[in-house]
Protein backbone atom coordinates (compact mmCIF):
# COMPACT_ATOMS: atom_id res chain seq x y z
CA MET A 1 103.35 74.11 109.46
CA GLU A 2 105.73 76.30 107.46
CA PHE A 3 105.25 80.05 107.44
CA GLU A 4 104.54 81.50 104.00
CA ALA A 5 105.00 85.25 103.66
CA ARG A 6 102.53 87.12 101.50
CA ASN A 7 104.99 89.93 100.75
CA SER A 8 108.54 91.11 101.39
CA THR A 9 107.59 93.16 104.46
CA GLU A 10 105.94 90.21 106.15
CA GLU A 11 108.93 88.04 105.20
CA ALA A 12 111.36 90.52 106.79
CA LEU A 13 109.29 90.71 109.99
CA HIS A 14 109.18 86.92 110.19
CA HIS A 15 112.93 86.68 109.54
CA TYR A 16 113.63 89.14 112.37
CA LYS A 17 111.30 87.37 114.82
CA SER A 18 112.77 84.00 113.91
CA GLY A 19 116.30 85.27 114.50
CA LEU A 20 115.27 86.89 117.77
CA GLY A 21 113.75 83.60 118.92
CA LEU A 22 116.96 81.70 118.15
CA PHE A 23 119.08 84.36 119.89
CA THR A 24 116.76 84.21 122.91
CA GLN A 25 117.29 80.44 123.15
CA LYS A 26 121.07 80.90 123.09
CA MET A 27 121.24 84.01 125.31
CA PRO A 28 118.06 84.00 127.42
CA LYS A 29 119.21 86.35 130.19
CA LEU A 30 120.57 88.96 127.79
CA ALA A 31 117.47 88.79 125.58
CA GLU A 32 115.17 89.02 128.62
CA GLN A 33 116.94 92.12 129.91
CA PHE A 34 117.08 93.76 126.49
CA ASN A 35 113.38 93.07 125.91
CA ALA A 36 112.47 94.42 129.37
CA PHE A 37 114.48 97.58 128.69
CA THR A 38 112.91 98.22 125.29
CA GLU A 39 109.40 97.48 126.60
CA GLU A 40 109.95 100.06 129.33
CA CYS A 41 111.22 102.60 126.79
CA PHE A 42 108.14 102.22 124.60
CA LYS A 43 105.54 102.42 127.40
CA GLU A 44 103.08 105.29 127.42
CA GLY A 45 104.54 108.19 129.39
CA ALA A 46 105.11 111.89 128.87
CA LEU A 47 105.42 110.87 125.21
CA SER A 48 102.72 108.70 123.70
CA GLN A 49 103.54 105.27 122.26
CA LYS A 50 102.64 106.75 118.88
CA ASP A 51 105.23 109.53 119.28
CA LYS A 52 107.83 107.03 120.44
CA GLN A 53 107.26 104.87 117.35
CA LEU A 54 107.66 107.90 115.09
CA ILE A 55 110.92 108.80 116.85
CA ALA A 56 112.14 105.20 116.55
CA LEU A 57 111.28 105.18 112.86
CA GLY A 58 113.29 108.36 112.34
CA ILE A 59 116.31 106.93 114.16
CA SER A 60 115.97 103.67 112.20
CA LEU A 61 116.03 105.60 108.93
CA TYR A 62 118.96 107.72 110.01
CA SER A 63 120.97 104.64 111.01
CA GLN A 64 119.92 102.75 107.83
CA ASN A 65 118.63 99.76 109.85
CA GLU A 66 116.17 98.11 107.45
CA TYR A 67 114.73 95.62 109.95
CA CYS A 68 114.04 98.43 112.41
CA ILE A 69 112.57 100.61 109.66
CA ILE A 70 110.07 97.86 108.85
CA TYR A 71 109.42 97.03 112.51
CA HIS A 72 108.77 100.66 113.46
CA ILE A 73 106.60 101.38 110.42
CA LYS A 74 104.47 98.50 111.68
CA GLY A 75 104.63 100.03 115.17
CA CYS A 76 103.54 103.41 113.80
CA LEU A 77 100.61 101.86 111.95
CA ASP A 78 99.67 99.76 114.99
CA GLN A 79 99.62 102.96 117.07
CA GLY A 80 97.28 104.63 114.58
CA CYS A 81 99.71 106.85 112.68
CA SER A 82 98.41 108.08 109.37
CA GLU A 83 100.46 107.87 106.20
CA GLU A 84 100.80 111.65 106.35
CA GLU A 85 102.20 111.54 109.91
CA ILE A 86 104.71 108.85 108.94
CA LEU A 87 105.82 110.67 105.80
CA GLU A 88 106.14 113.95 107.69
CA ALA A 89 108.30 112.28 110.35
CA VAL A 90 110.52 110.65 107.74
CA GLY A 91 110.75 113.99 105.96
CA VAL A 92 112.26 115.50 109.12
CA THR A 93 114.67 112.56 109.24
CA ALA A 94 115.63 113.12 105.61
CA ALA A 95 116.39 116.77 106.43
CA PHE A 96 119.05 115.50 108.86
CA GLY A 97 119.95 112.20 107.25
CA GLY A 98 120.30 113.41 103.68
CA GLY A 99 120.25 111.07 100.72
CA GLY A 100 120.41 107.81 102.68
CA ALA A 101 117.28 108.59 104.70
CA MET A 102 115.51 109.95 101.64
CA SER A 103 116.29 106.88 99.53
CA GLN A 104 114.85 104.60 102.24
CA THR A 105 111.79 106.88 102.45
CA VAL A 106 110.97 106.80 98.77
CA THR A 107 111.45 103.02 98.57
CA LEU A 108 111.24 100.90 101.72
CA VAL A 109 108.98 103.16 103.80
CA GLN A 110 106.35 103.52 101.09
CA GLU A 111 106.48 99.83 100.14
CA CYS A 112 106.13 98.74 103.79
CA MET A 113 103.18 101.01 104.45
CA GLU A 114 101.42 99.71 101.36
CA GLU A 115 102.12 96.03 102.17
CA LEU A 116 101.25 96.32 105.87
CA ASN A 117 98.02 98.17 105.13
CA GLN A 118 97.06 95.44 102.63
CA LEU A 119 97.59 92.80 105.33
CA LYS A 120 95.08 94.58 107.57
CA GLN A 121 92.35 94.21 104.96
């Protein structure tokens, strides 16, 4: 059965997961260790998982990593972030990241939130 994306956000998430699966087949030990490390980093701790997703989104925007922007917007929504919380966090990022972060905010961030929220319905 072939996967059929309903929108560009879902297509990007599928593309990332597909590539990660192929990489994991080729480099299982490295992928296992990387996944274990990132899982540990995103566990609930002194910072909540919600806060960690907002931080990751900000770093993703600052570094202009579109796959991570999409992935962490999904993470933010999955952790219960409101649109206002996400936009406030990306506003802080734009204050440091300038035009690049702002251009991703006014395009990709808003489009992803809209598409991912539609998928939940």
